[in-house]
Amino acid sequence: MSLLQLFSKKQQKEYFLTVGIEEHHIRAAVASISADNIQLIGTGESDFSEGENETEATDIAISMAEKNLPQNILVERVIFALPQVYLKGDQVRPEYLKRLKKVSNELNLKPHGFIEYPQAILYFLEKEEGMSPTVFLLAVSRKNLT
């Protein structure tokens, strides 16, 4: 089932967050889904230090992304976008899962799953090009190369 099908079962407009986590950087996006249409509402980003302020940085990024939302809308549903190093197979590594749960609990977010960056990029490229691309994707950070 595609992400669009998951959220568009109802006819009304629904909102969700995507929170992308990187080594010391958080990106957030708010989108609305109705019928077969996804509309980007806003984006935000923030930095954090190793082991500190991750929740605060996430809150800042989400707040920036929510600026264009109608005032009576509270978005709690979130899909995490994760780098490959956060995963082992199709599961989030325990040390990272603990961090995601902490952020979710402190910000009252309701996780609805995750997508790894390479999978999201390939999905986007496939939709843009109309076929599966043949590409090499590299992720370079201070501690990891994937």
N, C-alpha and C. Protein backbone atom coordinates (compact mmCIF):
# COMPACT_ATOMS: atom_id res chain seq x y z
N MET A 1 0.85 -1.17 0.00
CA MET A 1 0.00 0.00 0.00
C MET A 1 0.90 1.23 0.00
N SER A 2 0.62 2.17 -0.86
CA SER A 2 1.43 3.37 -0.94
C SER A 2 1.09 4.31 0.20
N LEU A 3 1.98 5.26 0.45
CA LEU A 3 1.76 6.26 1.48
C LEU A 3 0.50 7.05 1.19
N LEU A 4 0.26 7.37 -0.06
CA LEU A 4 -0.92 8.12 -0.45
C LEU A 4 -2.19 7.34 -0.13
N GLN A 5 -2.20 6.04 -0.43
CA GLN A 5 -3.37 5.22 -0.14
C GLN A 5 -3.61 5.10 1.36
N LEU A 6 -2.53 5.03 2.14
CA LEU A 6 -2.64 4.89 3.58
C LEU A 6 -3.39 6.06 4.19
N PHE A 7 -3.09 7.27 3.75
CA PHE A 7 -3.67 8.45 4.35
C PHE A 7 -4.91 8.97 3.63
N SER A 8 -5.20 8.51 2.43
CA SER A 8 -6.29 9.12 1.67
C SER A 8 -7.56 8.26 1.63
N LYS A 9 -7.71 7.36 2.57
CA LYS A 9 -8.92 6.53 2.58
C LYS A 9 -10.16 7.37 2.87
N LYS A 10 -10.02 8.43 3.62
CA LYS A 10 -11.14 9.32 3.90
C LYS A 10 -11.14 10.43 2.86
N GLN A 11 -12.28 11.02 2.62
CA GLN A 11 -12.39 12.07 1.62
C GLN A 11 -11.90 13.42 2.14
N GLN A 12 -11.87 13.60 3.46
CA GLN A 12 -11.47 14.89 4.01
C GLN A 12 -9.96 15.09 3.91
N LYS A 13 -9.56 16.32 4.00
CA LYS A 13 -8.14 16.66 3.96
C LYS A 13 -7.51 16.28 5.30
N GLU A 14 -6.39 15.57 5.23
CA GLU A 14 -5.66 15.18 6.43
C GLU A 14 -4.24 15.71 6.34
N TYR A 15 -3.62 15.88 7.50
CA TYR A 15 -2.28 16.43 7.57
C TYR A 15 -1.35 15.42 8.26
N PHE A 16 -0.09 15.45 7.84
CA PHE A 16 0.90 14.62 8.52
C PHE A 16 2.26 15.29 8.44
N LEU A 17 3.14 14.87 9.33
CA LEU A 17 4.51 15.36 9.39
C LEU A 17 5.46 14.31 8.86
N THR A 18 6.52 14.77 8.26
CA THR A 18 7.66 13.92 7.97
C THR A 18 8.83 14.57 8.69
N VAL A 19 9.51 13.79 9.51
CA VAL A 19 10.68 14.30 10.22
C VAL A 19 11.88 13.51 9.77
N GLY A 20 12.80 14.19 9.12
CA GLY A 20 14.03 13.58 8.64
C GLY A 20 15.15 13.83 9.63
N ILE A 21 15.79 12.76 10.02
CA ILE A 21 16.85 12.86 11.02
C ILE A 21 18.18 12.53 10.38
N GLU A 22 19.15 13.41 10.60
CA GLU A 22 20.50 13.19 10.12
C GLU A 22 21.44 13.27 11.32
N GLU A 23 22.74 13.22 11.06
CA GLU A 23 23.72 13.15 12.14
C GLU A 23 23.55 14.26 13.18
N HIS A 24 23.47 15.50 12.78
CA HIS A 24 23.27 16.63 13.69
C HIS A 24 22.25 17.62 13.13
N HIS A 25 21.31 17.10 12.36
CA HIS A 25 20.39 17.98 11.65
C HIS A 25 19.00 17.33 11.58
N ILE A 26 17.98 18.13 11.76
CA ILE A 26 16.59 17.68 11.66
C ILE A 26 15.91 18.48 10.55
N ARG A 27 15.16 17.78 9.71
CA ARG A 27 14.33 18.43 8.69
C ARG A 27 12.89 17.99 8.94
N ALA A 28 11.97 18.91 8.78
CA ALA A 28 10.56 18.58 8.97
C ALA A 28 9.76 19.14 7.80
N ALA A 29 8.70 18.43 7.47
CA ALA A 29 7.78 18.89 6.42
C ALA A 29 6.37 18.55 6.86
N VAL A 30 5.45 19.45 6.55
CA VAL A 30 4.03 19.21 6.79
C VAL A 30 3.35 19.16 5.43
N ALA A 31 2.50 18.15 5.26
CA ALA A 31 1.79 18.00 3.99
C ALA A 31 0.33 17.69 4.27
N SER A 32 -0.52 18.03 3.32
CA SER A 32 -1.93 17.65 3.40
C SER A 32 -2.20 16.62 2.31
N ILE A 33 -3.10 15.70 2.63
CA ILE A 33 -3.49 14.67 1.68
C ILE A 33 -5.00 14.69 1.55
N SER A 34 -5.47 14.73 0.31
CA SER A 34 -6.89 14.61 0.05
C SER A 34 -7.06 13.89 -1.27
N ALA A 35 -7.95 12.93 -1.29
CA ALA A 35 -8.19 12.10 -2.48
C ALA A 35 -6.86 11.57 -3.02
N ASP A 36 -6.43 12.05 -4.17
CA ASP A 36 -5.17 11.56 -4.73
C ASP A 36 -4.13 12.68 -4.84
N ASN A 37 -4.22 13.65 -3.95
CA ASN A 37 -3.34 14.82 -4.02
C ASN A 37 -2.57 15.00 -2.72
N ILE A 38 -1.27 15.20 -2.83
CA ILE A 38 -0.44 15.57 -1.69
C ILE A 38 0.05 16.98 -1.93
N GLN A 39 -0.13 17.84 -0.94
CA GLN A 39 0.31 19.22 -1.06
C GLN A 39 1.25 19.55 0.09
N LEU A 40 2.44 20.02 -0.24
CA LEU A 40 3.41 20.43 0.76
C LEU A 40 2.95 21.76 1.35
N ILE A 41 2.82 21.80 2.68
CA ILE A 41 2.36 23.00 3.37
C ILE A 41 3.54 23.85 3.83
N GLY A 42 4.58 23.20 4.35
CA GLY A 42 5.73 23.95 4.82
C GLY A 42 6.87 23.03 5.21
N THR A 43 8.05 23.61 5.32
CA THR A 43 9.24 22.88 5.73
C THR A 43 10.00 23.66 6.78
N GLY A 44 10.84 22.96 7.52
CA GLY A 44 11.69 23.60 8.51
C GLY A 44 12.88 22.71 8.81
N GLU A 45 13.90 23.31 9.40
CA GLU A 45 15.08 22.54 9.77
C GLU A 45 15.78 23.18 10.95
N SER A 46 16.58 22.36 11.63
CA SER A 46 17.31 22.83 12.80
C SER A 46 18.48 21.89 13.06
N ASP A 47 19.50 22.40 13.71
CA ASP A 47 20.68 21.62 14.07
C ASP A 47 20.67 21.29 15.56
N PHE A 48 21.41 20.24 15.93
CA PHE A 48 21.57 19.90 17.33
C PHE A 48 22.96 19.33 17.55
N SER A 49 23.40 19.35 18.80
CA SER A 49 24.71 18.82 19.16
C SER A 49 24.62 17.33 19.47
N GLU A 50 25.74 16.67 19.42
CA GLU A 50 25.80 15.23 19.72
C GLU A 50 25.16 14.93 21.07
N GLY A 51 24.11 14.12 21.06
CA GLY A 51 23.48 13.68 22.29
C GLY A 51 22.69 14.74 23.05
N GLU A 52 22.56 15.93 22.51
CA GLU A 52 21.86 17.01 23.21
C GLU A 52 20.87 17.69 22.29
N ASN A 53 19.81 18.22 22.87
CA ASN A 53 18.87 19.11 22.18
C ASN A 53 18.19 18.52 20.96
N GLU A 54 18.17 17.20 20.80
CA GLU A 54 17.53 16.61 19.64
C GLU A 54 16.02 16.89 19.63
N THR A 55 15.41 16.79 20.79
CA THR A 55 13.97 17.06 20.89
C THR A 55 13.69 18.53 20.61
N GLU A 56 14.50 19.41 21.16
CA GLU A 56 14.33 20.85 20.94
C GLU A 56 14.52 21.19 19.45
N ALA A 57 15.53 20.60 18.83
CA ALA A 57 15.77 20.85 17.40
C ALA A 57 14.59 20.34 16.56
N THR A 58 14.04 19.20 16.93
CA THR A 58 12.88 18.65 16.22
C THR A 58 11.68 19.58 16.37
N ASP A 59 11.48 20.08 17.58
CA ASP A 59 10.37 21.00 17.84
C ASP A 59 10.51 22.27 17.01
N ILE A 60 11.72 22.80 16.91
CA ILE A 60 11.97 24.01 16.12
C ILE A 60 11.66 23.75 14.64
N ALA A 61 12.16 22.63 14.12
CA ALA A 61 11.94 22.29 12.71
C ALA A 61 10.45 22.11 12.42
N ILE A 62 9.74 21.43 13.31
CA ILE A 62 8.30 21.22 13.12
C ILE A 62 7.56 22.55 13.19
N SER A 63 7.91 23.40 14.14
CA SER A 63 7.26 24.71 14.27
C SER A 63 7.42 25.54 13.00
N MET A 64 8.61 25.51 12.42
CA MET A 64 8.84 26.23 11.17
C MET A 64 7.97 25.65 10.05
N ALA A 65 7.86 24.33 10.00
CA ALA A 65 7.09 23.67 8.95
C ALA A 65 5.59 23.94 9.09
N GLU A 66 5.13 24.17 10.32
CA GLU A 66 3.70 24.35 10.57
C GLU A 66 3.21 25.79 10.41
N LYS A 67 4.08 26.72 10.08
CA LYS A 67 3.70 28.14 10.02
C LYS A 67 2.53 28.43 9.10
N ASN A 68 2.39 27.69 8.01
CA ASN A 68 1.32 27.96 7.05
C ASN A 68 0.05 27.14 7.27
N LEU A 69 -0.01 26.40 8.35
CA LEU A 69 -1.20 25.61 8.66
C LEU A 69 -2.33 26.50 9.17
N PRO A 70 -3.58 26.12 8.91
CA PRO A 70 -4.70 26.82 9.55
C PRO A 70 -4.54 26.72 11.08
N GLN A 71 -4.97 27.73 11.81
CA GLN A 71 -4.73 27.80 13.25
C GLN A 71 -5.36 26.66 14.05
N ASN A 72 -6.46 26.11 13.61
CA ASN A 72 -7.13 25.08 14.39
C ASN A 72 -6.61 23.67 14.11
N ILE A 73 -5.55 23.53 13.32
CA ILE A 73 -5.02 22.22 12.95
C ILE A 73 -3.83 21.86 13.83
N LEU A 74 -3.90 20.69 14.45
CA LEU A 74 -2.80 20.14 15.23
C LEU A 74 -2.35 18.86 14.54
N VAL A 75 -1.11 18.83 14.09
CA VAL A 75 -0.60 17.66 13.38
C VAL A 75 0.22 16.83 14.35
N GLU A 76 -0.21 15.59 14.55
CA GLU A 76 0.48 14.69 15.48
C GLU A 76 1.08 13.48 14.78
N ARG A 77 0.51 13.10 13.64
CA ARG A 77 0.99 11.90 12.94
C ARG A 77 2.30 12.20 12.24
N VAL A 78 3.26 11.32 12.43
CA VAL A 78 4.59 11.55 11.88
C VAL A 78 5.13 10.29 11.23
N ILE A 79 5.83 10.50 10.14
CA ILE A 79 6.61 9.44 9.50
C ILE A 79 8.05 9.91 9.56
N PHE A 80 8.91 9.07 10.09
CA PHE A 80 10.32 9.42 10.20
C PHE A 80 11.05 9.02 8.93
N ALA A 81 11.90 9.90 8.45
CA ALA A 81 12.80 9.62 7.34
C ALA A 81 14.17 9.39 7.97
N LEU A 82 14.73 8.21 7.75
CA LEU A 82 15.94 7.82 8.48
C LEU A 82 17.08 7.46 7.54
N PRO A 83 18.30 7.80 7.95
CA PRO A 83 19.46 7.34 7.19
C PRO A 83 19.62 5.84 7.36
N GLN A 84 20.31 5.22 6.44
CA GLN A 84 20.48 3.77 6.45
C GLN A 84 21.19 3.27 7.71
N VAL A 85 22.08 4.07 8.29
CA VAL A 85 22.82 3.63 9.48
C VAL A 85 21.90 3.46 10.69
N TYR A 86 20.69 4.02 10.65
CA TYR A 86 19.74 3.87 11.75
C TYR A 86 19.04 2.51 11.71
N LEU A 87 19.22 1.78 10.61
CA LEU A 87 18.46 0.55 10.40
C LEU A 87 19.34 -0.69 10.38
N LYS A 88 18.73 -1.78 10.78
CA LYS A 88 19.33 -3.10 10.62
C LYS A 88 18.25 -3.95 9.98
N GLY A 89 18.43 -4.23 8.70
CA GLY A 89 17.37 -4.90 7.95
C GLY A 89 16.20 -3.96 7.80
N ASP A 90 15.02 -4.42 8.20
CA ASP A 90 13.83 -3.56 8.11
C ASP A 90 13.39 -3.05 9.48
N GLN A 91 14.32 -3.04 10.43
CA GLN A 91 14.02 -2.57 11.79
C GLN A 91 14.94 -1.42 12.16
N VAL A 92 14.45 -0.53 13.01
CA VAL A 92 15.27 0.57 13.53
C VAL A 92 16.16 -0.01 14.64
N ARG A 93 17.45 0.30 14.58
CA ARG A 93 18.39 -0.17 15.61
C ARG A 93 17.92 0.33 16.99
N PRO A 94 18.07 -0.50 18.02
CA PRO A 94 17.55 -0.16 19.35
C PRO A 94 18.02 1.19 19.89
N GLU A 95 19.29 1.54 19.68
CA GLU A 95 19.79 2.82 20.20
C GLU A 95 19.11 4.02 19.53
N TYR A 96 18.74 3.87 18.26
CA TYR A 96 18.05 4.95 17.55
C TYR A 96 16.56 4.92 17.83
N LEU A 97 16.00 3.74 17.99
CA LEU A 97 14.58 3.61 18.32
C LEU A 97 14.29 4.30 19.65
N LYS A 98 15.19 4.16 20.60
CA LYS A 98 15.04 4.81 21.90
C LYS A 98 14.99 6.33 21.72
N ARG A 99 15.84 6.87 20.87
CA ARG A 99 15.85 8.31 20.61
C ARG A 99 14.55 8.76 19.94
N LEU A 100 14.08 7.99 18.95
CA LEU A 100 12.83 8.33 18.26
C LEU A 100 11.65 8.32 19.21
N LYS A 101 11.61 7.33 20.09
CA LYS A 101 10.53 7.25 21.08
C LYS A 101 10.56 8.44 22.03
N LYS A 102 11.76 8.83 22.44
CA LYS A 102 11.90 9.97 23.35
C LYS A 102 11.37 11.25 22.69
N VAL A 103 11.78 11.50 21.47
CA VAL A 103 11.32 12.68 20.74
C VAL A 103 9.80 12.62 20.56
N SER A 104 9.29 11.46 20.16
CA SER A 104 7.84 11.32 19.95
C SER A 104 7.06 11.58 21.22
N ASN A 105 7.50 11.00 22.33
CA ASN A 105 6.80 11.18 23.61
C ASN A 105 6.84 12.63 24.08
N GLU A 106 8.01 13.25 24.00
CA GLU A 106 8.15 14.62 24.49
C GLU A 106 7.39 15.63 23.64
N LEU A 107 7.20 15.34 22.37
CA LEU A 107 6.49 16.27 21.48
C LEU A 107 5.07 15.82 21.16
N ASN A 108 4.60 14.77 21.83
CA ASN A 108 3.25 14.24 21.62
C ASN A 108 2.98 13.88 20.17
N LEU A 109 3.94 13.24 19.54
CA LEU A 109 3.80 12.79 18.16
C LEU A 109 3.34 11.34 18.14
N LYS A 110 2.61 10.98 17.11
CA LYS A 110 2.14 9.61 16.94
C LYS A 110 2.82 9.01 15.71
N PRO A 111 3.88 8.24 15.92
CA PRO A 111 4.61 7.66 14.78
C PRO A 111 3.74 6.70 13.98
N HIS A 112 3.82 6.83 12.65
CA HIS A 112 3.09 5.95 11.73
C HIS A 112 4.05 5.18 10.85
N GLY A 113 5.33 5.13 11.23
CA GLY A 113 6.29 4.37 10.47
C GLY A 113 7.51 5.18 10.09
N PHE A 114 8.31 4.58 9.24
CA PHE A 114 9.51 5.25 8.78
C PHE A 114 9.82 4.84 7.35
N ILE A 115 10.64 5.65 6.73
CA ILE A 115 11.15 5.33 5.40
C ILE A 115 12.63 5.70 5.42
N GLU A 116 13.44 4.87 4.80
CA GLU A 116 14.86 5.21 4.75
C GLU A 116 15.10 6.14 3.57
N TYR A 117 16.08 7.02 3.74
CA TYR A 117 16.36 8.02 2.71
C TYR A 117 16.54 7.41 1.31
N PRO A 118 17.38 6.38 1.13
CA PRO A 118 17.55 5.85 -0.24
C PRO A 118 16.23 5.38 -0.86
N GLN A 119 15.38 4.75 -0.08
CA GLN A 119 14.09 4.28 -0.59
C GLN A 119 13.22 5.47 -1.01
N ALA A 120 13.21 6.53 -0.22
CA ALA A 120 12.42 7.72 -0.55
C ALA A 120 12.94 8.39 -1.82
N ILE A 121 14.26 8.48 -1.95
CA ILE A 121 14.86 9.10 -3.13
C ILE A 121 14.54 8.28 -4.38
N LEU A 122 14.67 6.96 -4.27
CA LEU A 122 14.36 6.11 -5.42
C LEU A 122 12.89 6.21 -5.82
N TYR A 123 12.00 6.26 -4.84
CA TYR A 123 10.58 6.41 -5.12
C TYR A 123 10.33 7.72 -5.88
N PHE A 124 10.93 8.81 -5.40
CA PHE A 124 10.78 10.10 -6.05
C PHE A 124 11.30 10.06 -7.49
N LEU A 125 12.51 9.52 -7.67
CA LEU A 125 13.10 9.46 -9.01
C LEU A 125 12.27 8.59 -9.95
N GLU A 126 11.72 7.50 -9.43
CA GLU A 126 10.88 6.63 -10.24
C GLU A 126 9.63 7.37 -10.71
N LYS A 127 9.03 8.15 -9.82
CA LYS A 127 7.83 8.92 -10.18
C LYS A 127 8.17 10.01 -11.20
N GLU A 128 9.33 10.64 -11.03
CA GLU A 128 9.75 11.71 -11.94
C GLU A 128 10.10 11.17 -13.33
N GLU A 129 10.82 10.07 -13.37
CA GLU A 129 11.33 9.52 -14.62
C GLU A 129 10.36 8.54 -15.28
N GLY A 130 9.41 8.01 -14.50
CA GLY A 130 8.47 7.05 -15.05
C GLY A 130 9.01 5.64 -15.15
N MET A 131 10.20 5.40 -14.60
CA MET A 131 10.79 4.05 -14.59
C MET A 131 11.80 3.99 -13.46
N SER A 132 12.19 2.78 -13.11
CA SER A 132 13.17 2.60 -12.04
C SER A 132 14.53 3.10 -12.49
N PRO A 133 15.12 4.02 -11.74
CA PRO A 133 16.43 4.54 -12.13
C PRO A 133 17.55 3.59 -11.73
N THR A 134 18.66 3.71 -12.43
CA THR A 134 19.87 3.00 -12.06
C THR A 134 20.83 4.05 -11.53
N VAL A 135 21.01 4.07 -10.21
CA VAL A 135 21.83 5.10 -9.59
C VAL A 135 22.64 4.51 -8.44
N PHE A 136 23.71 5.20 -8.09
CA PHE A 136 24.45 4.94 -6.86
C PHE A 136 24.14 6.09 -5.92
N LEU A 137 23.72 5.79 -4.72
CA LEU A 137 23.45 6.82 -3.73
C LEU A 137 24.49 6.70 -2.62
N LEU A 138 25.16 7.79 -2.30
CA LEU A 138 26.13 7.83 -1.22
C LEU A 138 25.64 8.79 -0.15
N ALA A 139 25.78 8.36 1.09
CA ALA A 139 25.52 9.24 2.22
C ALA A 139 26.83 9.40 2.97
N VAL A 140 27.28 10.62 3.08
CA VAL A 140 28.56 10.90 3.73
C VAL A 140 28.30 11.77 4.95
N SER A 141 28.78 11.32 6.10
CA SER A 141 28.67 12.12 7.33
C SER A 141 30.02 12.05 8.04
N ARG A 142 30.11 12.69 9.16
CA ARG A 142 31.38 12.70 9.92
C ARG A 142 31.78 11.31 10.37
N LYS A 143 30.80 10.47 10.67
CA LYS A 143 31.09 9.14 11.22
C LYS A 143 30.80 7.98 10.27
N ASN A 144 30.02 8.21 9.25
CA ASN A 144 29.56 7.09 8.41
C ASN A 144 29.64 7.42 6.93
N LEU A 145 29.84 6.36 6.16
CA LEU A 145 29.77 6.42 4.72
C LEU A 145 28.92 5.23 4.30
N THR A 146 27.75 5.51 3.70
CA THR A 146 26.89 4.41 3.25
C THR A 146 26.53 4.64 1.81
